[in-house]
Amino acid sequence: MSGSGQGQSSHRQSARDLICHAGAGASAGAIAATFVCPLDVIKTRLQVHCLPEATQSIPRGGVIITSLQNIIKTEGFKGLYHGLSPTILALLANWTVYFTLYEQLKHILRSHGDSSGQLTIGGNVVAAAGAGAVTAITTNPFWVVKTRLQTQGMRADVVPYKSVHSALGRILHEEGIRGLYSGILPSLAGISHVAIQFPAYEKLKAYIAEKENTTVDKLSPMSVVIASSISKVLASVMTYPHEVVRSRLQEQGQLRNPTVHYAGVTDCVKKVFQKEGIPGFYRGCATNLLRTTPSAVITFTSYEMIRRFLQQVIPPGTR
């Protein structure tokens, strides 16, 4: 995520740079979503539903394998890809909006950077958080649909959604706009994730570039892999509880007679803690780490390579 050129000369190329950032981000997000969708389905189900009693003693890796086998047995191979369509749609919007705003905010805040022209950690946090807030509000309906498509196979009393369009229409009709924005508060709380991940990623890239005596734009794919892996794992572990709360709030709207009803974020946090304790906030965390680490590697490495390619093929004078 290198910034645009500095000074007055950056204005003529800013549109081209934003096109490169948005296009590369959307493409990388879609590629990563396709690769890790099966693990995402398992992670979401573990977040929403507790582990079956029969699997409590199974090692975490065994739970993942068992979950994969059960999904294939009961729902077929396509069950591993429930929610892929809204995931890709959400990620296309997510990374397009995010990288565009992130780079714009970095450009605006660059005057507050250090003498080397690099943005300060505080500046990176502000840019990441600002872009994250707008992105969360813009894409939340797609994440609600994704969560419900991924979990509806576990509910016999739920009338299944037939498609993304059907789900969006039914949720709006049955629950109103509030249904499309269920889980928005923990999603906004999730801004802390990108506020940790992106500054860490930027600083790790700068550190590696300095050690390798090169520039950030010329880092090797392996260096990007290292920076993206460390920053993603760090952010994921620190902010994971909000994902559990968000998933449970998003999923409950499709239940006709829910045994546990959460009145809001505070009520959800309270009930999860009372019933499951701290471990309840880390349901699916191991699966999530197995998913987010390769996902981050694929996303960020693809992003960097695609961005460099687009910068080569798109004329510098593009406005």
C-alpha atoms as a PDB file:
ATOM      1  CA  MET A   1       0.000   0.000   0.000  1.00  0.00           C
ATOM      2  CA  SER A   2       2.521   2.569  -1.043  1.00  0.00           C
ATOM      3  CA  GLY A   3       1.334   6.137  -1.089  1.00  0.00           C
ATOM      4  CA  SER A   4       0.944   8.376  -4.108  1.00  0.00           C
ATOM      5  CA  GLY A   5       3.757  10.687  -5.143  1.00  0.00           C
ATOM      6  CA  GLN A   6       4.356  13.690  -2.931  1.00  0.00           C
ATOM      7  CA  GLY A   7       4.022  17.390  -3.579  1.00  0.00           C
ATOM      8  CA  GLN A   8       2.250  19.126  -6.427  1.00  0.00           C
ATOM      9  CA  SER A   9       3.337  16.499  -8.966  1.00  0.00           C
ATOM     10  CA  SER A  10       1.163  13.906  -7.220  1.00  0.00           C
ATOM     11  CA  HIS A  11      -2.133  15.531  -8.218  1.00  0.00           C
ATOM     12  CA  ARG A  12      -1.946  14.592 -11.904  1.00  0.00           C
ATOM     13  CA  GLN A  13      -1.344  10.939 -11.080  1.00  0.00           C
ATOM     14  CA  SER A  14      -3.617  10.618  -8.062  1.00  0.00           C
ATOM     15  CA  ALA A  15      -6.606   9.356 -10.102  1.00  0.00           C
ATOM     16  CA  ARG A  16      -4.415   6.738 -11.770  1.00  0.00           C
ATOM     17  CA  ASP A  17      -2.998   5.664  -8.411  1.00  0.00           C
ATOM     18  CA  LEU A  18      -6.461   5.320  -6.880  1.00  0.00           C
ATOM     19  CA  ILE A  19      -7.641   3.239  -9.849  1.00  0.00           C
ATOM     20  CA  CYS A  20      -4.637   0.958  -9.347  1.00  0.00           C
ATOM     21  CA  HIS A  21      -5.235   0.653  -5.605  1.00  0.00           C
ATOM     22  CA  ALA A  22      -8.978  -0.009  -5.954  1.00  0.00           C
ATOM     23  CA  GLY A  23      -8.631  -2.449  -8.849  1.00  0.00           C
ATOM     24  CA  ALA A  24      -5.822  -4.382  -7.206  1.00  0.00           C
ATOM     25  CA  GLY A  25      -7.608  -4.493  -3.854  1.00  0.00           C
ATOM     26  CA  ALA A  26     -10.895  -5.753  -5.306  1.00  0.00           C
ATOM     27  CA  SER A  27      -9.158  -8.407  -7.410  1.00  0.00           C
ATOM     28  CA  ALA A  28      -6.995  -9.628  -4.531  1.00  0.00           C
ATOM     29  CA  GLY A  29      -9.979  -9.802  -2.177  1.00  0.00           C
ATOM     30  CA  ALA A  30     -12.001 -11.899  -4.625  1.00  0.00           C
ATOM     31  CA  ILE A  31      -9.082 -14.293  -5.185  1.00  0.00           C
ATOM     32  CA  ALA A  32      -8.551 -14.775  -1.451  1.00  0.00           C
ATOM     33  CA  ALA A  33     -12.282 -15.230  -0.738  1.00  0.00           C
ATOM     34  CA  THR A  34     -12.528 -18.077  -3.239  1.00  0.00           C
ATOM     35  CA  PHE A  35      -9.536 -19.923  -1.761  1.00  0.00           C
ATOM     36  CA  VAL A  36     -10.543 -19.700   1.895  1.00  0.00           C
ATOM     37  CA  CYS A  37     -14.367 -19.871   1.669  1.00  0.00           C
ATOM     38  CA  PRO A  38     -14.644 -23.400   3.183  1.00  0.00           C
ATOM     39  CA  LEU A  39     -12.743 -22.329   6.305  1.00  0.00           C
ATOM     40  CA  ASP A  40     -14.806 -19.139   6.462  1.00  0.00           C
ATOM     41  CA  VAL A  41     -18.015 -21.206   6.503  1.00  0.00           C
ATOM     42  CA  ILE A  42     -16.702 -23.327   9.396  1.00  0.00           C
ATOM     43  CA  LYS A  43     -15.463 -20.264  11.297  1.00  0.00           C
ATOM     44  CA  THR A  44     -18.838 -18.521  11.010  1.00  0.00           C
ATOM     45  CA  ARG A  45     -20.724 -21.604  12.190  1.00  0.00           C
ATOM     46  CA  LEU A  46     -18.411 -22.061  15.155  1.00  0.00           C
ATOM     47  CA  GLN A  47     -18.915 -18.406  16.075  1.00  0.00           C
ATOM     48  CA  VAL A  48     -22.698 -18.681  15.958  1.00  0.00           C
ATOM     49  CA  HIS A  49     -23.193 -22.208  17.289  1.00  0.00           C
ATOM     50  CA  CYS A  50     -21.312 -23.892  20.111  1.00  0.00           C
ATOM     51  CA  LEU A  51     -19.393 -27.074  19.397  1.00  0.00           C
ATOM     52  CA  PRO A  52     -21.516 -30.235  19.540  1.00  0.00           C
ATOM     53  CA  GLU A  53     -20.956 -32.132  22.785  1.00  0.00           C
ATOM     54  CA  ALA A  54     -19.585 -35.112  20.874  1.00  0.00           C
ATOM     55  CA  THR A  55     -16.761 -33.008  19.472  1.00  0.00           C
ATOM     56  CA  GLN A  56     -15.744 -31.193  22.652  1.00  0.00           C
ATOM     57  CA  SER A  57     -12.795 -33.531  23.262  1.00  0.00           C
ATOM     58  CA  ILE A  58     -11.599 -33.547  19.650  1.00  0.00           C
ATOM     59  CA  PRO A  59      -8.397 -31.554  19.000  1.00  0.00           C
ATOM     60  CA  ARG A  60      -8.979 -28.274  17.128  1.00  0.00           C
ATOM     61  CA  GLY A  61      -7.581 -29.626  13.872  1.00  0.00           C
ATOM     62  CA  GLY A  62      -9.914 -32.627  14.214  1.00  0.00           C
ATOM     63  CA  VAL A  63     -12.901 -30.329  14.684  1.00  0.00           C
ATOM     64  CA  ILE A  64     -12.068 -28.541  11.442  1.00  0.00           C
ATOM     65  CA  ILE A  65     -11.733 -31.803   9.517  1.00  0.00           C
ATOM     66  CA  THR A  66     -14.885 -33.202  11.118  1.00  0.00           C
ATOM     67  CA  SER A  67     -16.778 -30.013  10.251  1.00  0.00           C
ATOM     68  CA  LEU A  68     -15.639 -30.239   6.636  1.00  0.00           C
ATOM     69  CA  GLN A  69     -16.751 -33.863   6.446  1.00  0.00           C
ATOM     70  CA  ASN A  70     -20.153 -33.121   8.026  1.00  0.00           C
ATOM     71  CA  ILE A  71     -20.843 -30.228   5.652  1.00  0.00           C
ATOM     72  CA  ILE A  72     -19.962 -32.328   2.599  1.00  0.00           C
ATOM     73  CA  LYS A  73     -22.061 -35.238   3.904  1.00  0.00           C
ATOM     74  CA  THR A  74     -25.182 -33.218   4.723  1.00  0.00           C
ATOM     75  CA  GLU A  75     -25.020 -30.362   2.204  1.00  0.00           C
ATOM     76  CA  GLY A  76     -22.692 -31.583  -0.498  1.00  0.00           C
ATOM     77  CA  PHE A  77     -19.527 -29.965  -1.808  1.00  0.00           C
ATOM     78  CA  LYS A  78     -21.441 -26.759  -2.558  1.00  0.00           C
ATOM     79  CA  GLY A  79     -22.073 -26.437   1.174  1.00  0.00           C
ATOM     80  CA  LEU A  80     -18.419 -25.459   1.574  1.00  0.00           C
ATOM     81  CA  TYR A  81     -19.106 -22.426  -0.582  1.00  0.00           C
ATOM     82  CA  HIS A  82     -22.291 -21.123   0.999  1.00  0.00           C
ATOM     83  CA  GLY A  83     -22.059 -17.348   1.100  1.00  0.00           C
ATOM     84  CA  LEU A  84     -19.324 -17.116  -1.537  1.00  0.00           C
ATOM     85  CA  SER A  85     -21.366 -14.828  -3.823  1.00  0.00           C
ATOM     86  CA  PRO A  86     -22.132 -12.192  -1.170  1.00  0.00           C
ATOM     87  CA  THR A  87     -18.580 -12.566   0.127  1.00  0.00           C
ATOM     88  CA  ILE A  88     -17.125 -11.724  -3.268  1.00  0.00           C
ATOM     89  CA  LEU A  89     -19.650  -8.904  -3.793  1.00  0.00           C
ATOM     90  CA  ALA A  90     -18.864  -7.546  -0.327  1.00  0.00           C
ATOM     91  CA  LEU A  91     -15.127  -7.812  -0.861  1.00  0.00           C
ATOM     92  CA  LEU A  92     -15.286  -6.134  -4.250  1.00  0.00           C
ATOM     93  CA  ALA A  93     -17.058  -3.214  -2.592  1.00  0.00           C
ATOM     94  CA  ASN A  94     -15.029  -3.551   0.606  1.00  0.00           C
ATOM     95  CA  TRP A  95     -11.547  -3.320  -0.893  1.00  0.00           C
ATOM     96  CA  THR A  96     -12.540  -0.876  -3.618  1.00  0.00           C
ATOM     97  CA  VAL A  97     -13.943   1.560  -1.052  1.00  0.00           C
ATOM     98  CA  TYR A  98     -11.291   0.798   1.549  1.00  0.00           C
ATOM     99  CA  PHE A  99      -8.147   1.184  -0.521  1.00  0.00           C
ATOM    100  CA  THR A 100      -9.497   4.245  -2.327  1.00  0.00           C
ATOM    101  CA  LEU A 101     -10.289   6.051   0.938  1.00  0.00           C
ATOM    102  CA  TYR A 102      -7.206   4.732   2.701  1.00  0.00           C
ATOM    103  CA  GLU A 103      -4.861   6.098   0.057  1.00  0.00           C
ATOM    104  CA  GLN A 104      -6.746   9.413  -0.096  1.00  0.00           C
ATOM    105  CA  LEU A 105      -6.563   9.849   3.673  1.00  0.00           C
ATOM    106  CA  LYS A 106      -2.875   8.903   3.695  1.00  0.00           C
ATOM    107  CA  HIS A 107      -2.264  11.531   1.028  1.00  0.00           C
ATOM    108  CA  ILE A 108      -4.115  14.182   3.048  1.00  0.00           C
ATOM    109  CA  LEU A 109      -2.283  13.261   6.267  1.00  0.00           C
ATOM    110  CA  ARG A 110       1.135  12.881   4.665  1.00  0.00           C
ATOM    111  CA  SER A 111       2.128  16.419   5.648  1.00  0.00           C
ATOM    112  CA  HIS A 112       2.160  15.154   9.238  1.00  0.00           C
ATOM    113  CA  GLY A 113       4.639  12.402   8.447  1.00  0.00           C
ATOM    114  CA  ASP A 114       8.272  12.238   9.504  1.00  0.00           C
ATOM    115  CA  SER A 115      11.258  13.654   7.619  1.00  0.00           C
ATOM    116  CA  SER A 116      11.501  10.573   5.402  1.00  0.00           C
ATOM    117  CA  GLY A 117       8.053  11.267   3.986  1.00  0.00           C
ATOM    118  CA  GLN A 118       6.540   8.254   5.758  1.00  0.00           C
ATOM    119  CA  LEU A 119       3.255   8.661   7.599  1.00  0.00           C
ATOM    120  CA  THR A 120       3.463   8.448  11.386  1.00  0.00           C
ATOM    121  CA  ILE A 121       1.861   5.532  13.205  1.00  0.00           C
ATOM    122  CA  GLY A 122      -0.887   7.884  14.387  1.00  0.00           C
ATOM    123  CA  GLY A 123      -1.508   9.047  10.826  1.00  0.00           C
ATOM    124  CA  ASN A 124      -1.729   5.456   9.607  1.00  0.00           C
ATOM    125  CA  VAL A 125      -4.187   4.608  12.378  1.00  0.00           C
ATOM    126  CA  VAL A 126      -6.416   7.567  11.473  1.00  0.00           C
ATOM    127  CA  ALA A 127      -6.341   6.685   7.760  1.00  0.00           C
ATOM    128  CA  ALA A 128      -7.056   3.008   8.419  1.00  0.00           C
ATOM    129  CA  ALA A 129      -9.862   3.714  10.911  1.00  0.00           C
ATOM    130  CA  GLY A 130     -11.538   6.341   8.740  1.00  0.00           C
ATOM    131  CA  ALA A 131     -11.527   4.108   5.683  1.00  0.00           C
ATOM    132  CA  GLY A 132     -12.694   1.180   7.809  1.00  0.00           C
ATOM    133  CA  ALA A 133     -15.714   3.061   9.177  1.00  0.00           C
ATOM    134  CA  VAL A 134     -17.024   4.044   5.744  1.00  0.00           C
ATOM    135  CA  THR A 135     -16.348   0.563   4.392  1.00  0.00           C
ATOM    136  CA  ALA A 136     -18.187  -1.144   7.266  1.00  0.00           C
ATOM    137  CA  ILE A 137     -21.299   0.984   6.743  1.00  0.00           C
ATOM    138  CA  THR A 138     -21.234   0.498   2.969  1.00  0.00           C
ATOM    139  CA  THR A 139     -20.831  -3.291   2.944  1.00  0.00           C
ATOM    140  CA  ASN A 140     -22.669  -4.465   6.093  1.00  0.00           C
ATOM    141  CA  PRO A 141     -25.790  -5.764   4.240  1.00  0.00           C
ATOM    142  CA  PHE A 142     -23.604  -8.142   2.211  1.00  0.00           C
ATOM    143  CA  TRP A 143     -21.940  -9.496   5.364  1.00  0.00           C
ATOM    144  CA  VAL A 144     -25.362 -10.115   6.947  1.00  0.00           C
ATOM    145  CA  VAL A 145     -26.389 -12.127   3.875  1.00  0.00           C
ATOM    146  CA  LYS A 146     -23.090 -14.021   3.879  1.00  0.00           C
ATOM    147  CA  THR A 147     -23.477 -15.009   7.534  1.00  0.00           C
ATOM    148  CA  ARG A 148     -27.031 -16.251   7.049  1.00  0.00           C
ATOM    149  CA  LEU A 149     -26.282 -18.202   3.884  1.00  0.00           C
ATOM    150  CA  GLN A 150     -23.382 -19.910   5.643  1.00  0.00           C
ATOM    151  CA  THR A 151     -25.404 -20.884   8.734  1.00  0.00           C
ATOM    152  CA  GLN A 152     -28.880 -21.654   7.382  1.00  0.00           C
ATOM    153  CA  GLY A 153     -27.901 -25.243   6.577  1.00  0.00           C
ATOM    154  CA  MET A 154     -27.683 -25.926  10.322  1.00  0.00           C
ATOM    155  CA  ARG A 155     -31.259 -24.815  11.020  1.00  0.00           C
ATOM    156  CA  ALA A 156     -34.141 -27.153  10.131  1.00  0.00           C
ATOM    157  CA  ASP A 157     -36.750 -24.527  11.081  1.00  0.00           C
ATOM    158  CA  VAL A 158     -35.430 -21.822   8.750  1.00  0.00           C
ATOM    159  CA  VAL A 159     -36.885 -21.133   5.296  1.00  0.00           C
ATOM    160  CA  PRO A 160     -33.675 -20.974   3.250  1.00  0.00           C
ATOM    161  CA  TYR A 161     -32.683 -18.018   1.147  1.00  0.00           C
ATOM    162  CA  LYS A 162     -32.375 -18.958  -2.530  1.00  0.00           C
ATOM    163  CA  SER A 163     -29.875 -16.318  -3.596  1.00  0.00           C
ATOM    164  CA  VAL A 164     -28.154 -13.095  -2.605  1.00  0.00           C
ATOM    165  CA  HIS A 165     -30.943 -11.050  -4.202  1.00  0.00           C
ATOM    166  CA  SER A 166     -33.596 -13.169  -2.468  1.00  0.00           C
ATOM    167  CA  ALA A 167     -31.887 -12.789   0.896  1.00  0.00           C
ATOM    168  CA  LEU A 168     -31.522  -9.026   0.579  1.00  0.00           C
ATOM    169  CA  GLY A 169     -35.193  -8.705  -0.443  1.00  0.00           C
ATOM    170  CA  ARG A 170     -36.523 -10.948   2.313  1.00  0.00           C
ATOM    171  CA  ILE A 171     -34.446  -9.368   5.054  1.00  0.00           C
ATOM    172  CA  LEU A 172     -35.570  -5.886   3.986  1.00  0.00           C
ATOM    173  CA  HIS A 173     -39.228  -7.010   3.808  1.00  0.00           C
ATOM    174  CA  GLU A 174     -39.289  -9.070   7.029  1.00  0.00           C
ATOM    175  CA  GLU A 175     -36.953  -7.035   9.222  1.00  0.00           C
ATOM    176  CA  GLY A 176     -36.622  -3.668   7.547  1.00  0.00           C
ATOM    177  CA  ILE A 177     -33.425  -1.686   7.073  1.00  0.00           C
ATOM    178  CA  ARG A 178     -32.494  -2.595  10.636  1.00  0.00           C
ATOM    179  CA  GLY A 179     -32.109  -6.226   9.567  1.00  0.00           C
ATOM    180  CA  LEU A 180     -29.601  -5.314   6.869  1.00  0.00           C
ATOM    181  CA  TYR A 181     -27.585  -3.438   9.468  1.00  0.00           C
ATOM    182  CA  SER A 182     -27.745  -5.983  12.288  1.00  0.00           C
ATOM    183  CA  GLY A 183     -24.292  -6.340  13.775  1.00  0.00           C
ATOM    184  CA  ILE A 184     -23.215  -2.887  12.552  1.00  0.00           C
ATOM    185  CA  LEU A 185     -22.018  -1.752  15.992  1.00  0.00           C
ATOM    186  CA  PRO A 186     -19.571  -4.637  16.457  1.00  0.00           C
ATOM    187  CA  SER A 187     -18.595  -4.176  12.807  1.00  0.00           C
ATOM    188  CA  LEU A 188     -17.694  -0.572  13.575  1.00  0.00           C
ATOM    189  CA  ALA A 189     -15.879  -1.810  16.665  1.00  0.00           C
ATOM    190  CA  GLY A 190     -13.969  -3.993  14.229  1.00  0.00           C
ATOM    191  CA  ILE A 191     -12.336  -0.841  12.893  1.00  0.00           C
ATOM    192  CA  SER A 192      -9.813  -1.571  15.614  1.00  0.00           C
ATOM    193  CA  HIS A 193      -8.750  -4.554  13.501  1.00  0.00           C
ATOM    194  CA  VAL A 194      -7.635  -2.515  10.489  1.00  0.00           C
ATOM    195  CA  ALA A 195      -6.358   0.199  12.816  1.00  0.00           C
ATOM    196  CA  ILE A 196      -3.903  -2.412  14.096  1.00  0.00           C
ATOM    197  CA  GLN A 197      -3.329  -4.425  10.933  1.00  0.00           C
ATOM    198  CA  PHE A 198      -2.556  -1.719   8.384  1.00  0.00           C
ATOM    199  CA  PRO A 199      -0.175   0.433  10.457  1.00  0.00           C
ATOM    200  CA  ALA A 200       1.621  -2.769  11.524  1.00  0.00           C
ATOM    201  CA  TYR A 201       1.803  -3.885   7.892  1.00  0.00           C
ATOM    202  CA  GLU A 202       3.152  -0.525   6.748  1.00  0.00           C
ATOM    203  CA  LYS A 203       5.801  -0.436   9.487  1.00  0.00           C
ATOM    204  CA  LEU A 204       6.844  -4.041   8.895  1.00  0.00           C
ATOM    205  CA  LYS A 205       7.253  -3.345   5.169  1.00  0.00           C
ATOM    206  CA  ALA A 206       9.344  -0.258   5.898  1.00  0.00           C
ATOM    207  CA  TYR A 207      11.478  -2.207   8.398  1.00  0.00           C
ATOM    208  CA  ILE A 208      12.062  -5.081   5.964  1.00  0.00           C
ATOM    209  CA  ALA A 209      12.835  -2.674   3.115  1.00  0.00           C
ATOM    210  CA  GLU A 210      15.415  -0.928   5.286  1.00  0.00           C
ATOM    211  CA  LYS A 211      17.013  -4.249   6.253  1.00  0.00           C
ATOM    212  CA  GLU A 212      17.112  -5.370   2.615  1.00  0.00           C
ATOM    213  CA  ASN A 213      18.425  -1.981   1.496  1.00  0.00           C
ATOM    214  CA  THR A 214      15.578  -1.470  -0.969  1.00  0.00           C
ATOM    215  CA  THR A 215      12.303   0.456  -1.256  1.00  0.00           C
ATOM    216  CA  VAL A 216       8.842  -0.643  -0.161  1.00  0.00           C
ATOM    217  CA  ASP A 217       7.659  -0.756  -3.799  1.00  0.00           C
ATOM    218  CA  LYS A 218      10.404  -3.237  -4.666  1.00  0.00           C
ATOM    219  CA  LEU A 219       9.943  -5.709  -1.835  1.00  0.00           C
ATOM    220  CA  SER A 220       9.954  -9.346  -2.894  1.00  0.00           C
ATOM    221  CA  PRO A 221       6.758 -11.433  -2.654  1.00  0.00           C
ATOM    222  CA  MET A 222       8.285 -13.345   0.301  1.00  0.00           C
ATOM    223  CA  SER A 223       8.839 -10.090   2.203  1.00  0.00           C
ATOM    224  CA  VAL A 224       5.203  -9.151   1.601  1.00  0.00           C
ATOM    225  CA  VAL A 225       4.185 -12.609   2.853  1.00  0.00           C
ATOM    226  CA  ILE A 226       6.099 -12.086   6.108  1.00  0.00           C
ATOM    227  CA  ALA A 227       4.729  -8.580   6.732  1.00  0.00           C
ATOM    228  CA  SER A 228       1.136  -9.510   5.885  1.00  0.00           C
ATOM    229  CA  SER A 229       1.188 -12.699   7.996  1.00  0.00           C
ATOM    230  CA  ILE A 230       2.512 -11.062  11.148  1.00  0.00           C
ATOM    231  CA  SER A 231       0.236  -8.017  10.933  1.00  0.00           C
ATOM    232  CA  LYS A 232      -2.881 -10.097  10.240  1.00  0.00           C
ATOM    233  CA  VAL A 233      -2.327 -12.613  13.039  1.00  0.00           C
ATOM    234  CA  LEU A 234      -1.620  -9.794  15.496  1.00  0.00           C
ATOM    235  CA  ALA A 235      -4.778  -7.890  14.571  1.00  0.00           C
ATOM    236  CA  SER A 236      -6.949 -11.019  14.447  1.00  0.00           C
ATOM    237  CA  VAL A 237      -6.062 -12.261  17.918  1.00  0.00           C
ATOM    238  CA  MET A 238      -6.468  -8.830  19.500  1.00  0.00           C
ATOM    239  CA  THR A 239      -9.877  -8.058  17.965  1.00  0.00           C
ATOM    240  CA  TYR A 240     -11.519 -11.463  17.451  1.00  0.00           C
ATOM    241  CA  PRO A 241     -14.281 -11.179  20.140  1.00  0.00           C
ATOM    242  CA  HIS A 242     -16.112  -8.490  18.154  1.00  0.00           C
ATOM    243  CA  GLU A 243     -16.477 -10.941  15.247  1.00  0.00           C
ATOM    244  CA  VAL A 244     -18.276 -13.471  17.443  1.00  0.00           C
ATOM    245  CA  VAL A 245     -20.704 -10.819  18.696  1.00  0.00           C
ATOM    246  CA  ARG A 246     -21.281  -9.505  15.164  1.00  0.00           C
ATOM    247  CA  SER A 247     -21.964 -12.965  13.721  1.00  0.00           C
ATOM    248  CA  ARG A 248     -24.464 -13.863  16.427  1.00  0.00           C
ATOM    249  CA  LEU A 249     -26.376 -10.613  16.023  1.00  0.00           C
ATOM    250  CA  GLN A 250     -26.424 -10.998  12.231  1.00  0.00           C
ATOM    251  CA  GLU A 251     -27.561 -14.613  12.304  1.00  0.00           C
ATOM    252  CA  GLN A 252     -30.403 -14.447  14.824  1.00  0.00           C
ATOM    253  CA  GLY A 253     -32.745 -12.419  12.589  1.00  0.00           C
ATOM    254  CA  GLN A 254     -33.597 -15.431  10.433  1.00  0.00           C
ATOM    255  CA  LEU A 255     -34.802 -17.546  13.400  1.00  0.00           C
ATOM    256  CA  ARG A 256     -38.537 -17.736  13.983  1.00  0.00           C
ATOM    257  CA  ASN A 257     -38.356 -18.812  17.617  1.00  0.00           C
ATOM    258  CA  PRO A 258     -34.804 -18.300  18.814  1.00  0.00           C
ATOM    259  CA  THR A 259     -33.917 -20.020  22.078  1.00  0.00           C
ATOM    260  CA  VAL A 260     -31.457 -17.228  22.832  1.00  0.00           C
ATOM    261  CA  HIS A 261     -32.291 -13.702  21.760  1.00  0.00           C
ATOM    262  CA  TYR A 262     -29.799 -10.885  21.942  1.00  0.00           C
ATOM    263  CA  ALA A 263     -31.317  -7.439  22.429  1.00  0.00           C
ATOM    264  CA  GLY A 264     -28.135  -5.701  21.324  1.00  0.00           C
ATOM    265  CA  VAL A 265     -24.368  -5.646  21.612  1.00  0.00           C
ATOM    266  CA  THR A 266     -24.268  -5.247  25.395  1.00  0.00           C
ATOM    267  CA  ASP A 267     -26.861  -7.977  25.927  1.00  0.00           C
ATOM    268  CA  CYS A 268     -25.005 -10.310  23.559  1.00  0.00           C
ATOM    269  CA  VAL A 269     -21.681  -9.754  25.329  1.00  0.00           C
ATOM    270  CA  LYS A 270     -23.334 -10.338  28.704  1.00  0.00           C
ATOM    271  CA  LYS A 271     -25.093 -13.567  27.695  1.00  0.00           C
ATOM    272  CA  VAL A 272     -22.078 -15.032  25.901  1.00  0.00           C
ATOM    273  CA  PHE A 273     -19.906 -14.336  28.938  1.00  0.00           C
ATOM    274  CA  GLN A 274     -22.450 -15.759  31.406  1.00  0.00           C
ATOM    275  CA  LYS A 275     -23.065 -18.938  29.420  1.00  0.00           C
ATOM    276  CA  GLU A 276     -19.672 -19.633  27.862  1.00  0.00           C
ATOM    277  CA  GLY A 277     -17.154 -17.437  29.630  1.00  0.00           C
ATOM    278  CA  ILE A 278     -14.110 -15.941  27.903  1.00  0.00           C
ATOM    279  CA  PRO A 279     -13.708 -19.001  25.601  1.00  0.00           C
ATOM    280  CA  GLY A 280     -17.094 -18.112  24.116  1.00  0.00           C
ATOM    281  CA  PHE A 281     -15.612 -14.973  22.595  1.00  0.00           C
ATOM    282  CA  TYR A 282     -12.981 -17.070  20.840  1.00  0.00           C
ATOM    283  CA  ARG A 283     -15.236 -19.671  19.217  1.00  0.00           C
ATOM    284  CA  GLY A 284     -13.740 -20.476  15.842  1.00  0.00           C
ATOM    285  CA  CYS A 285     -10.598 -18.457  16.537  1.00  0.00           C
ATOM    286  CA  ALA A 286      -8.221 -21.284  15.604  1.00  0.00           C
ATOM    287  CA  THR A 287     -10.119 -21.814  12.357  1.00  0.00           C
ATOM    288  CA  ASN A 288     -10.092 -18.083  11.816  1.00  0.00           C
ATOM    289  CA  LEU A 289      -6.310 -17.940  12.168  1.00  0.00           C
ATOM    290  CA  LEU A 290      -5.926 -20.814   9.711  1.00  0.00           C
ATOM    291  CA  ARG A 291      -8.157 -18.842   7.373  1.00  0.00           C
ATOM    292  CA  THR A 292      -6.907 -15.304   7.906  1.00  0.00           C
ATOM    293  CA  THR A 293      -3.210 -16.047   7.651  1.00  0.00           C
ATOM    294  CA  PRO A 294      -3.301 -17.542   4.122  1.00  0.00           C
ATOM    295  CA  SER A 295      -6.063 -15.089   3.242  1.00  0.00           C
ATOM    296  CA  ALA A 296      -3.877 -12.140   4.228  1.00  0.00           C
ATOM    297  CA  VAL A 297      -0.908 -13.626   2.380  1.00  0.00           C
ATOM    298  CA  ILE A 298      -2.982 -14.158  -0.778  1.00  0.00           C
ATOM    299  CA  THR A 299      -4.742 -10.787  -0.516  1.00  0.00           C
ATOM    300  CA  PHE A 300      -1.730  -8.596   0.170  1.00  0.00           C
ATOM    301  CA  THR A 301       0.699 -10.406  -2.110  1.00  0.00           C
ATOM    302  CA  SER A 302      -1.856 -10.416  -4.942  1.00  0.00           C
ATOM    303  CA  TYR A 303      -2.619  -6.782  -4.197  1.00  0.00           C
ATOM    304  CA  GLU A 304       0.999  -5.679  -4.418  1.00  0.00           C
ATOM    305  CA  MET A 305       1.677  -7.627  -7.622  1.00  0.00           C
ATOM    306  CA  ILE A 306      -1.579  -6.585  -9.345  1.00  0.00           C
ATOM    307  CA  ARG A 307      -1.054  -2.944  -8.319  1.00  0.00           C
ATOM    308  CA  ARG A 308       2.446  -2.921  -9.787  1.00  0.00           C
ATOM    309  CA  PHE A 309       1.087  -4.484 -12.991  1.00  0.00           C
ATOM    310  CA  LEU A 310      -1.716  -1.911 -13.282  1.00  0.00           C
ATOM    311  CA  GLN A 311       0.735   0.929 -12.736  1.00  0.00           C
ATOM    312  CA  GLN A 312       2.719  -0.395 -15.687  1.00  0.00           C
ATOM    313  CA  VAL A 313      -0.226  -0.781 -18.083  1.00  0.00           C
ATOM    314  CA  ILE A 314      -2.288   2.306 -17.159  1.00  0.00           C
ATOM    315  CA  PRO A 315      -0.892   5.482 -18.763  1.00  0.00           C
ATOM    316  CA  PRO A 316       0.566   7.978 -16.216  1.00  0.00           C
ATOM    317  CA  GLY A 317      -1.664  10.745 -17.606  1.00  0.00           C
ATOM    318  CA  THR A 318      -4.918   8.953 -16.680  1.00  0.00           C
ATOM    319  CA  ARG A 319      -7.247  11.324 -14.840  1.00  0.00           C
END
